[in-house]
Amino acid sequence: LPTGSSPLEAYKALIVMHNAGLVSFKHVVTFNMDEYVGLPAAHPQSYHTFMYENFFNHVDIRQENINLLNGNAPDVVAECQRYEDKMASYGKIHLFMGG
């Protein structure tokens, strides 16, 4: 999933549809595209914070289905490989949202 101003209207629309009972995210697995290296996940400018404030906290997505890069991993290369491997474990991407 993308971050920044580009996807905000899409996230708002998905939240409206969720609140109206038109869509559920219980079986959706997400992978975000990026994160800042060295910025704590709880920092107001992190992509973790952005996604929770603008989308995840407003829908019924399961916590275990949210995948975000760890920008504070001791080995960034290994973290990227872990992330790639986890994505691959799902077989294929069914929907990609770019920003």
PDB file of N, CA and C in Angstrom:
ATOM      1  N   LEU A   1       0.831  -1.190   0.000  1.00  0.00           N
ATOM      2  CA  LEU A   1       0.000   0.000   0.000  1.00  0.00           C
ATOM      3  C   LEU A   1       0.869   1.245   0.000  1.00  0.00           C
ATOM      4  N   PRO A   2       0.430   2.281  -0.668  1.00  0.00           N
ATOM      5  CA  PRO A   2       1.197   3.520  -0.703  1.00  0.00           C
ATOM      6  C   PRO A   2       0.871   4.431   0.476  1.00  0.00           C
ATOM      7  N   THR A   3       1.731   5.411   0.674  1.00  0.00           N
ATOM      8  CA  THR A   3       1.511   6.427   1.700  1.00  0.00           C
ATOM      9  C   THR A   3       1.604   7.800   1.042  1.00  0.00           C
ATOM     10  N   GLY A   4       1.474   8.830   1.832  1.00  0.00           N
ATOM     11  CA  GLY A   4       1.524  10.185   1.298  1.00  0.00           C
ATOM     12  C   GLY A   4       0.134  10.681   0.948  1.00  0.00           C
ATOM     13  N   SER A   5       0.061  11.793   0.255  1.00  0.00           N
ATOM     14  CA  SER A   5      -1.235  12.405  -0.040  1.00  0.00           C
ATOM     15  C   SER A   5      -1.994  11.694  -1.168  1.00  0.00           C
ATOM     16  N   SER A   6      -1.292  11.021  -2.064  1.00  0.00           N
ATOM     17  CA  SER A   6      -1.949  10.393  -3.224  1.00  0.00           C
ATOM     18  C   SER A   6      -3.056   9.407  -2.856  1.00  0.00           C
ATOM     19  N   PRO A   7      -2.854   8.495  -1.903  1.00  0.00           N
ATOM     20  CA  PRO A   7      -3.883   7.495  -1.641  1.00  0.00           C
ATOM     21  C   PRO A   7      -4.951   7.908  -0.625  1.00  0.00           C
ATOM     22  N   LEU A   8      -4.847   9.095  -0.046  1.00  0.00           N
ATOM     23  CA  LEU A   8      -5.754   9.454   1.049  1.00  0.00           C
ATOM     24  C   LEU A   8      -7.228   9.384   0.661  1.00  0.00           C
ATOM     25  N   GLU A   9      -7.578   9.877  -0.502  1.00  0.00           N
ATOM     26  CA  GLU A   9      -8.985   9.832  -0.919  1.00  0.00           C
ATOM     27  C   GLU A   9      -9.451   8.390  -1.120  1.00  0.00           C
ATOM     28  N   ALA A  10      -8.577   7.546  -1.634  1.00  0.00           N
ATOM     29  CA  ALA A  10      -8.927   6.129  -1.800  1.00  0.00           C
ATOM     30  C   ALA A  10      -9.147   5.480  -0.439  1.00  0.00           C
ATOM     31  N   TYR A  11      -8.270   5.761   0.525  1.00  0.00           N
ATOM     32  CA  TYR A  11      -8.439   5.201   1.867  1.00  0.00           C
ATOM     33  C   TYR A  11      -9.735   5.695   2.494  1.00  0.00           C
ATOM     34  N   LYS A  12     -10.038   6.974   2.343  1.00  0.00           N
ATOM     35  CA  LYS A  12     -11.288   7.525   2.889  1.00  0.00           C
ATOM     36  C   LYS A  12     -12.495   6.828   2.270  1.00  0.00           C
ATOM     37  N   ALA A  13     -12.463   6.601   0.972  1.00  0.00           N
ATOM     38  CA  ALA A  13     -13.572   5.929   0.295  1.00  0.00           C
ATOM     39  C   ALA A  13     -13.720   4.490   0.781  1.00  0.00           C
ATOM     40  N   LEU A  14     -12.613   3.796   0.972  1.00  0.00           N
ATOM     41  CA  LEU A  14     -12.669   2.421   1.482  1.00  0.00           C
ATOM     42  C   LEU A  14     -13.227   2.387   2.898  1.00  0.00           C
ATOM     43  N   ILE A  15     -12.876   3.360   3.713  1.00  0.00           N
ATOM     44  CA  ILE A  15     -13.401   3.440   5.083  1.00  0.00           C
ATOM     45  C   ILE A  15     -14.908   3.681   5.050  1.00  0.00           C
ATOM     46  N   VAL A  16     -15.366   4.569   4.180  1.00  0.00           N
ATOM     47  CA  VAL A  16     -16.805   4.827   4.035  1.00  0.00           C
ATOM     48  C   VAL A  16     -17.525   3.545   3.625  1.00  0.00           C
ATOM     49  N   MET A  17     -16.979   2.822   2.654  1.00  0.00           N
ATOM     50  CA  MET A  17     -17.595   1.565   2.217  1.00  0.00           C
ATOM     51  C   MET A  17     -17.601   0.541   3.342  1.00  0.00           C
ATOM     52  N   HIS A  18     -16.516   0.485   4.118  1.00  0.00           N
ATOM     53  CA  HIS A  18     -16.452  -0.432   5.251  1.00  0.00           C
ATOM     54  C   HIS A  18     -17.520  -0.080   6.283  1.00  0.00           C
ATOM     55  N   ASN A  19     -17.625   1.192   6.618  1.00  0.00           N
ATOM     56  CA  ASN A  19     -18.606   1.635   7.616  1.00  0.00           C
ATOM     57  C   ASN A  19     -20.039   1.394   7.163  1.00  0.00           C
ATOM     58  N   ALA A  20     -20.262   1.382   5.865  1.00  0.00           N
ATOM     59  CA  ALA A  20     -21.588   1.112   5.310  1.00  0.00           C
ATOM     60  C   ALA A  20     -21.867  -0.384   5.196  1.00  0.00           C
ATOM     61  N   GLY A  21     -20.886  -1.211   5.551  1.00  0.00           N
ATOM     62  CA  GLY A  21     -21.060  -2.653   5.477  1.00  0.00           C
ATOM     63  C   GLY A  21     -20.899  -3.225   4.083  1.00  0.00           C
ATOM     64  N   LEU A  22     -20.317  -2.464   3.185  1.00  0.00           N
ATOM     65  CA  LEU A  22     -20.157  -2.912   1.805  1.00  0.00           C
ATOM     66  C   LEU A  22     -18.886  -3.707   1.564  1.00  0.00           C
ATOM     67  N   VAL A  23     -17.912  -3.550   2.444  1.00  0.00           N
ATOM     68  CA  VAL A  23     -16.633  -4.234   2.261  1.00  0.00           C
ATOM     69  C   VAL A  23     -16.042  -4.569   3.625  1.00  0.00           C
ATOM     70  N   SER A  24     -15.365  -5.700   3.676  1.00  0.00           N
ATOM     71  CA  SER A  24     -14.657  -6.129   4.885  1.00  0.00           C
ATOM     72  C   SER A  24     -13.197  -6.366   4.521  1.00  0.00           C
ATOM     73  N   PHE A  25     -12.342  -6.129   5.481  1.00  0.00           N
ATOM     74  CA  PHE A  25     -10.908  -6.335   5.282  1.00  0.00           C
ATOM     75  C   PHE A  25     -10.379  -7.483   6.143  1.00  0.00           C
ATOM     76  N   LYS A  26     -11.287  -8.311   6.679  1.00  0.00           N
ATOM     77  CA  LYS A  26     -10.894  -9.406   7.572  1.00  0.00           C
ATOM     78  C   LYS A  26      -9.958 -10.407   6.910  1.00  0.00           C
ATOM     79  N   HIS A  27     -10.082 -10.564   5.619  1.00  0.00           N
ATOM     80  CA  HIS A  27      -9.264 -11.559   4.914  1.00  0.00           C
ATOM     81  C   HIS A  27      -8.254 -10.916   3.965  1.00  0.00           C
ATOM     82  N   VAL A  28      -8.038  -9.631   4.135  1.00  0.00           N
ATOM     83  CA  VAL A  28      -7.082  -8.902   3.303  1.00  0.00           C
ATOM     84  C   VAL A  28      -5.717  -8.908   3.975  1.00  0.00           C
ATOM     85  N   VAL A  29      -4.686  -9.176   3.203  1.00  0.00           N
ATOM     86  CA  VAL A  29      -3.302  -9.118   3.682  1.00  0.00           C
ATOM     87  C   VAL A  29      -2.641  -7.963   2.942  1.00  0.00           C
ATOM     88  N   THR A  30      -2.027  -7.062   3.705  1.00  0.00           N
ATOM     89  CA  THR A  30      -1.394  -5.900   3.084  1.00  0.00           C
ATOM     90  C   THR A  30       0.114  -5.914   3.279  1.00  0.00           C
ATOM     91  N   PHE A  31       0.791  -5.328   2.305  1.00  0.00           N
ATOM     92  CA  PHE A  31       2.232  -5.090   2.372  1.00  0.00           C
ATOM     93  C   PHE A  31       2.456  -3.649   1.957  1.00  0.00           C
ATOM     94  N   ASN A  32       3.028  -2.869   2.843  1.00  0.00           N
ATOM     95  CA  ASN A  32       3.342  -1.495   2.479  1.00  0.00           C
ATOM     96  C   ASN A  32       4.617  -1.451   1.662  1.00  0.00           C
ATOM     97  N   MET A  33       4.755  -0.379   0.896  1.00  0.00           N
ATOM     98  CA  MET A  33       5.855  -0.292  -0.061  1.00  0.00           C
ATOM     99  C   MET A  33       7.159   0.204   0.537  1.00  0.00           C
ATOM    100  N   ASP A  34       7.098   0.960   1.633  1.00  0.00           N
ATOM    101  CA  ASP A  34       8.342   1.550   2.125  1.00  0.00           C
ATOM    102  C   ASP A  34       8.221   1.984   3.583  1.00  0.00           C
ATOM    103  N   GLU A  35       9.360   2.354   4.145  1.00  0.00           N
ATOM    104  CA  GLU A  35       9.456   2.908   5.497  1.00  0.00           C
ATOM    105  C   GLU A  35      10.785   3.632   5.588  1.00  0.00           C
ATOM    106  N   TYR A  36      10.836   4.614   6.459  1.00  0.00           N
ATOM    107  CA  TYR A  36      12.085   5.341   6.686  1.00  0.00           C
ATOM    108  C   TYR A  36      13.028   4.497   7.533  1.00  0.00           C
ATOM    109  N   VAL A  37      14.290   4.437   7.156  1.00  0.00           N
ATOM    110  CA  VAL A  37      15.299   3.733   7.946  1.00  0.00           C
ATOM    111  C   VAL A  37      15.678   4.617   9.124  1.00  0.00           C
ATOM    112  N   GLY A  38      15.639   4.035  10.320  1.00  0.00           N
ATOM    113  CA  GLY A  38      16.047   4.732  11.530  1.00  0.00           C
ATOM    114  C   GLY A  38      14.950   5.523  12.215  1.00  0.00           C
ATOM    115  N   LEU A  39      13.770   5.604  11.624  1.00  0.00           N
ATOM    116  CA  LEU A  39      12.662   6.331  12.239  1.00  0.00           C
ATOM    117  C   LEU A  39      11.799   5.334  13.010  1.00  0.00           C
ATOM    118  N   PRO A  40      11.593   5.551  14.309  1.00  0.00           N
ATOM    119  CA  PRO A  40      10.781   4.604  15.086  1.00  0.00           C
ATOM    120  C   PRO A  40       9.366   4.466  14.510  1.00  0.00           C
ATOM    121  N   ALA A  41       8.806   3.284  14.602  1.00  0.00           N
ATOM    122  CA  ALA A  41       7.468   3.028  14.062  1.00  0.00           C
ATOM    123  C   ALA A  41       6.429   3.974  14.654  1.00  0.00           C
ATOM    124  N   ALA A  42       6.587   4.356  15.913  1.00  0.00           N
ATOM    125  CA  ALA A  42       5.617   5.231  16.581  1.00  0.00           C
ATOM    126  C   ALA A  42       5.832   6.715  16.277  1.00  0.00           C
ATOM    127  N   HIS A  43       6.861   7.047  15.534  1.00  0.00           N
ATOM    128  CA  HIS A  43       7.132   8.456  15.209  1.00  0.00           C
ATOM    129  C   HIS A  43       5.988   9.006  14.348  1.00  0.00           C
ATOM    130  N   PRO A  44       5.565  10.241  14.587  1.00  0.00           N
ATOM    131  CA  PRO A  44       4.450  10.812  13.817  1.00  0.00           C
ATOM    132  C   PRO A  44       4.663  10.840  12.304  1.00  0.00           C
ATOM    133  N   GLN A  45       5.913  10.825  11.845  1.00  0.00           N
ATOM    134  CA  GLN A  45       6.174  10.869  10.406  1.00  0.00           C
ATOM    135  C   GLN A  45       6.486   9.502   9.796  1.00  0.00           C
ATOM    136  N   SER A  46       6.384   8.443  10.600  1.00  0.00           N
ATOM    137  CA  SER A  46       6.652   7.108  10.050  1.00  0.00           C
ATOM    138  C   SER A  46       5.472   6.648   9.203  1.00  0.00           C
ATOM    139  N   TYR A  47       5.745   5.735   8.305  1.00  0.00           N
ATOM    140  CA  TYR A  47       4.676   5.174   7.492  1.00  0.00           C
ATOM    141  C   TYR A  47       3.793   4.241   8.314  1.00  0.00           C
ATOM    142  N   HIS A  48       4.341   3.666   9.380  1.00  0.00           N
ATOM    143  CA  HIS A  48       3.513   2.883  10.304  1.00  0.00           C
ATOM    144  C   HIS A  48       2.397   3.775  10.843  1.00  0.00           C
ATOM    145  N   THR A  49       2.795   4.905  11.414  1.00  0.00           N
ATOM    146  CA  THR A  49       1.823   5.834  11.992  1.00  0.00           C
ATOM    147  C   THR A  49       0.829   6.299  10.933  1.00  0.00           C
ATOM    148  N   PHE A  50       1.326   6.658   9.771  1.00  0.00           N
ATOM    149  CA  PHE A  50       0.462   7.119   8.684  1.00  0.00           C
ATOM    150  C   PHE A  50      -0.626   6.092   8.373  1.00  0.00           C
ATOM    151  N   MET A  51      -0.242   4.845   8.208  1.00  0.00           N
ATOM    152  CA  MET A  51      -1.199   3.814   7.815  1.00  0.00           C
ATOM    153  C   MET A  51      -2.232   3.540   8.900  1.00  0.00           C
ATOM    154  N   TYR A  52      -1.794   3.514  10.156  1.00  0.00           N
ATOM    155  CA  TYR A  52      -2.752   3.278  11.235  1.00  0.00           C
ATOM    156  C   TYR A  52      -3.709   4.450  11.383  1.00  0.00           C
ATOM    157  N   GLU A  53      -3.198   5.666  11.302  1.00  0.00           N
ATOM    158  CA  GLU A  53      -4.054   6.842  11.460  1.00  0.00           C
ATOM    159  C   GLU A  53      -5.011   7.031  10.287  1.00  0.00           C
ATOM    160  N   ASN A  54      -4.585   6.692   9.098  1.00  0.00           N
ATOM    161  CA  ASN A  54      -5.381   6.972   7.908  1.00  0.00           C
ATOM    162  C   ASN A  54      -6.154   5.787   7.342  1.00  0.00           C
ATOM    163  N   PHE A  55      -5.864   4.573   7.839  1.00  0.00           N
ATOM    164  CA  PHE A  55      -6.588   3.432   7.281  1.00  0.00           C
ATOM    165  C   PHE A  55      -6.808   2.296   8.278  1.00  0.00           C
ATOM    166  N   PHE A  56      -5.738   1.676   8.739  1.00  0.00           N
ATOM    167  CA  PHE A  56      -5.876   0.452   9.524  1.00  0.00           C
ATOM    168  C   PHE A  56      -6.766   0.598  10.758  1.00  0.00           C
ATOM    169  N   ASN A  57      -6.682   1.718  11.471  1.00  0.00           N
ATOM    170  CA  ASN A  57      -7.497   1.908  12.678  1.00  0.00           C
ATOM    171  C   ASN A  57      -8.981   2.082  12.376  1.00  0.00           C
ATOM    172  N   HIS A  58      -9.350   2.196  11.126  1.00  0.00           N
ATOM    173  CA  HIS A  58     -10.726   2.499  10.751  1.00  0.00           C
ATOM    174  C   HIS A  58     -11.448   1.342  10.067  1.00  0.00           C
ATOM    175  N   VAL A  59     -10.762   0.230   9.874  1.00  0.00           N
ATOM    176  CA  VAL A  59     -11.366  -0.921   9.204  1.00  0.00           C
ATOM    177  C   VAL A  59     -11.119  -2.184  10.030  1.00  0.00           C
ATOM    178  N   ASP A  60     -11.711  -3.277   9.605  1.00  0.00           N
ATOM    179  CA  ASP A  60     -11.644  -4.525  10.370  1.00  0.00           C
ATOM    180  C   ASP A  60     -10.506  -5.452   9.940  1.00  0.00           C
ATOM    181  N   ILE A  61      -9.403  -4.890   9.509  1.00  0.00           N
ATOM    182  CA  ILE A  61      -8.256  -5.707   9.110  1.00  0.00           C
ATOM    183  C   ILE A  61      -7.640  -6.366  10.342  1.00  0.00           C
ATOM    184  N   ARG A  62      -7.222  -7.589  10.198  1.00  0.00           N
ATOM    185  CA  ARG A  62      -6.575  -8.305  11.303  1.00  0.00           C
ATOM    186  C   ARG A  62      -5.129  -7.846  11.424  1.00  0.00           C
ATOM    187  N   GLN A  63      -4.700  -7.643  12.647  1.00  0.00           N
ATOM    188  CA  GLN A  63      -3.343  -7.167  12.916  1.00  0.00           C
ATOM    189  C   GLN A  63      -2.294  -8.057  12.250  1.00  0.00           C
ATOM    190  N   GLU A  64      -2.515  -9.356  12.279  1.00  0.00           N
ATOM    191  CA  GLU A  64      -1.529 -10.280  11.708  1.00  0.00           C
ATOM    192  C   GLU A  64      -1.472 -10.204  10.178  1.00  0.00           C
ATOM    193  N   ASN A  65      -2.430  -9.530   9.567  1.00  0.00           N
ATOM    194  CA  ASN A  65      -2.437  -9.383   8.111  1.00  0.00           C
ATOM    195  C   ASN A  65      -1.827  -8.071   7.633  1.00  0.00           C
ATOM    196  N   ILE A  66      -1.360  -7.264   8.573  1.00  0.00           N
ATOM    197  CA  ILE A  66      -0.719  -5.993   8.242  1.00  0.00           C
ATOM    198  C   ILE A  66       0.787  -6.217   8.209  1.00  0.00           C
ATOM    199  N   ASN A  67       1.398  -5.932   7.092  1.00  0.00           N
ATOM    200  CA  ASN A  67       2.845  -6.108   6.944  1.00  0.00           C
ATOM    201  C   ASN A  67       3.487  -4.774   6.597  1.00  0.00           C
ATOM    202  N   LEU A  68       4.388  -4.352   7.469  1.00  0.00           N
ATOM    203  CA  LEU A  68       5.115  -3.100   7.299  1.00  0.00           C
ATOM    204  C   LEU A  68       6.593  -3.379   7.502  1.00  0.00           C
ATOM    205  N   LEU A  69       7.408  -2.756   6.698  1.00  0.00           N
ATOM    206  CA  LEU A  69       8.858  -2.917   6.859  1.00  0.00           C
ATOM    207  C   LEU A  69       9.317  -2.364   8.200  1.00  0.00           C
ATOM    208  N   ASN A  70      10.311  -3.011   8.783  1.00  0.00           N
ATOM    209  CA  ASN A  70      10.918  -2.541  10.029  1.00  0.00           C
ATOM    210  C   ASN A  70      12.113  -1.665   9.677  1.00  0.00           C
ATOM    211  N   GLY A  71      11.924  -0.365   9.758  1.00  0.00           N
ATOM    212  CA  GLY A  71      12.990   0.572   9.440  1.00  0.00           C
ATOM    213  C   GLY A  71      14.089   0.628  10.475  1.00  0.00           C
ATOM    214  N   ASN A  72      13.892  -0.074  11.597  1.00  0.00           N
ATOM    215  CA  ASN A  72      14.897  -0.115  12.656  1.00  0.00           C
ATOM    216  C   ASN A  72      15.538  -1.489  12.793  1.00  0.00           C
ATOM    217  N   ALA A  73      15.352  -2.319  11.792  1.00  0.00           N
ATOM    218  CA  ALA A  73      15.973  -3.644  11.824  1.00  0.00           C
ATOM    219  C   ALA A  73      17.489  -3.485  11.870  1.00  0.00           C
ATOM    220  N   PRO A  74      18.171  -4.311  12.660  1.00  0.00           N
ATOM    221  CA  PRO A  74      19.630  -4.206  12.736  1.00  0.00           C
ATOM    222  C   PRO A  74      20.320  -4.484  11.404  1.00  0.00           C
ATOM    223  N   ASP A  75      19.681  -5.287  10.564  1.00  0.00           N
ATOM    224  CA  ASP A  75      20.226  -5.614   9.243  1.00  0.00           C
ATOM    225  C   ASP A  75      19.138  -5.297   8.211  1.00  0.00           C
ATOM    226  N   VAL A  76      19.244  -4.146   7.580  1.00  0.00           N
ATOM    227  CA  VAL A  76      18.216  -3.689   6.648  1.00  0.00           C
ATOM    228  C   VAL A  76      18.098  -4.619   5.440  1.00  0.00           C
ATOM    229  N   VAL A  77      19.207  -5.129   4.964  1.00  0.00           N
ATOM    230  CA  VAL A  77      19.178  -6.045   3.820  1.00  0.00           C
ATOM    231  C   VAL A  77      18.418  -7.320   4.193  1.00  0.00           C
ATOM    232  N   ALA A  78      18.688  -7.852   5.374  1.00  0.00           N
ATOM    233  CA  ALA A  78      17.980  -9.052   5.834  1.00  0.00           C
ATOM    234  C   ALA A  78      16.490  -8.763   6.024  1.00  0.00           C
ATOM    235  N   GLU A  79      16.160  -7.579   6.515  1.00  0.00           N
ATOM    236  CA  GLU A  79      14.754  -7.199   6.682  1.00  0.00           C
ATOM    237  C   GLU A  79      14.046  -7.150   5.335  1.00  0.00           C
ATOM    238  N   CYS A  80      14.696  -6.596   4.339  1.00  0.00           N
ATOM    239  CA  CYS A  80      14.106  -6.554   2.996  1.00  0.00           C
ATOM    240  C   CYS A  80      13.902  -7.961   2.441  1.00  0.00           C
ATOM    241  N   GLN A  81      14.849  -8.844   2.673  1.00  0.00           N
ATOM    242  CA  GLN A  81      14.714 -10.225   2.206  1.00  0.00           C
ATOM    243  C   GLN A  81      13.581 -10.935   2.938  1.00  0.00           C
ATOM    244  N   ARG A  82      13.469 -10.713   4.249  1.00  0.00           N
ATOM    245  CA  ARG A  82      12.375 -11.299   5.033  1.00  0.00           C
ATOM    246  C   ARG A  82      11.031 -10.851   4.462  1.00  0.00           C
ATOM    247  N   TYR A  83      10.939  -9.579   4.150  1.00  0.00           N
ATOM    248  CA  TYR A  83       9.709  -8.993   3.613  1.00  0.00           C
ATOM    249  C   TYR A  83       9.375  -9.595   2.248  1.00  0.00           C
ATOM    250  N   GLU A  84      10.366  -9.685   1.383  1.00  0.00           N
ATOM    251  CA  GLU A  84      10.178 -10.297   0.058  1.00  0.00           C
ATOM    252  C   GLU A  84       9.729 -11.751   0.186  1.00  0.00           C
ATOM    253  N   ASP A  85      10.365 -12.485   1.098  1.00  0.00           N
ATOM    254  CA  ASP A  85      10.014 -13.893   1.300  1.00  0.00           C
ATOM    255  C   ASP A  85       8.580 -14.033   1.797  1.00  0.00           C
ATOM    256  N   LYS A  86       8.174 -13.146   2.704  1.00  0.00           N
ATOM    257  CA  LYS A  86       6.810 -13.214   3.225  1.00  0.00           C
ATOM    258  C   LYS A  86       5.807 -12.908   2.118  1.00  0.00           C
ATOM    259  N   MET A  87       6.102 -11.918   1.289  1.00  0.00           N
ATOM    260  CA  MET A  87       5.222 -11.626   0.150  1.00  0.00           C
ATOM    261  C   MET A  87       5.109 -12.848  -0.762  1.00  0.00           C
ATOM    262  N   ALA A  88       6.235 -13.451  -1.060  1.00  0.00           N
ATOM    263  CA  ALA A  88       6.259 -14.618  -1.948  1.00  0.00           C
ATOM    264  C   ALA A  88       5.478 -15.790  -1.362  1.00  0.00           C
ATOM    265  N   SER A  89       5.431 -15.885  -0.036  1.00  0.00           N
ATOM    266  CA  SER A  89       4.725 -16.994   0.608  1.00  0.00           C
ATOM    267  C   SER A  89       3.223 -16.965   0.333  1.00  0.00           C
ATOM    268  N   TYR A  90       2.700 -15.823  -0.086  1.00  0.00           N
ATOM    269  CA  TYR A  90       1.276 -15.706  -0.409  1.00  0.00           C
ATOM    270  C   TYR A  90       0.985 -16.066  -1.864  1.00  0.00           C
ATOM    271  N   GLY A  91       2.011 -16.360  -2.631  1.00  0.00           N
ATOM    272  CA  GLY A  91       1.821 -16.826  -4.002  1.00  0.00           C
ATOM    273  C   GLY A  91       1.869 -15.744  -5.047  1.00  0.00           C
ATOM    274  N   LYS A  92       1.003 -14.757  -4.928  1.00  0.00           N
ATOM    275  CA  LYS A  92       1.004 -13.675  -5.909  1.00  0.00           C
ATOM    276  C   LYS A  92       0.285 -12.469  -5.324  1.00  0.00           C
ATOM    277  N   ILE A  93       0.479 -11.343  -5.960  1.00  0.00           N
ATOM    278  CA  ILE A  93      -0.207 -10.117  -5.568  1.00  0.00           C
ATOM    279  C   ILE A  93      -1.515 -10.061  -6.351  1.00  0.00           C
ATOM    280  N   HIS A  94      -2.624  -9.911  -5.640  1.00  0.00           N
ATOM    281  CA  HIS A  94      -3.933  -9.862  -6.295  1.00  0.00           C
ATOM    282  C   HIS A  94      -4.343  -8.440  -6.663  1.00  0.00           C
ATOM    283  N   LEU A  95      -3.858  -7.466  -5.909  1.00  0.00           N
ATOM    284  CA  LEU A  95      -4.164  -6.063  -6.188  1.00  0.00           C
ATOM    285  C   LEU A  95      -3.000  -5.216  -5.710  1.00  0.00           C
ATOM    286  N   PHE A  96      -2.522  -4.340  -6.567  1.00  0.00           N
ATOM    287  CA  PHE A  96      -1.447  -3.424  -6.203  1.00  0.00           C
ATOM    288  C   PHE A  96      -1.979  -2.005  -6.281  1.00  0.00           C
ATOM    289  N   MET A  97      -1.781  -1.246  -5.216  1.00  0.00           N
ATOM    290  CA  MET A  97      -2.142   0.180  -5.209  1.00  0.00           C
ATOM    291  C   MET A  97      -0.857   0.981  -5.138  1.00  0.00           C
ATOM    292  N   GLY A  98      -0.552   1.708  -6.169  1.00  0.00           N
ATOM    293  CA  GLY A  98       0.619   2.575  -6.174  1.00  0.00           C
ATOM    294  C   GLY A  98       0.200   4.011  -5.911  1.00  0.00           C
ATOM    295  N   GLY A  99       1.151   4.816  -5.488  1.00  0.00           N
ATOM    296  CA  GLY A  99       0.812   6.212  -5.185  1.00  0.00           C
ATOM    297  C   GLY A  99       1.678   7.163  -5.949  1.00  0.00           C
TER     298      GLY A  99
END
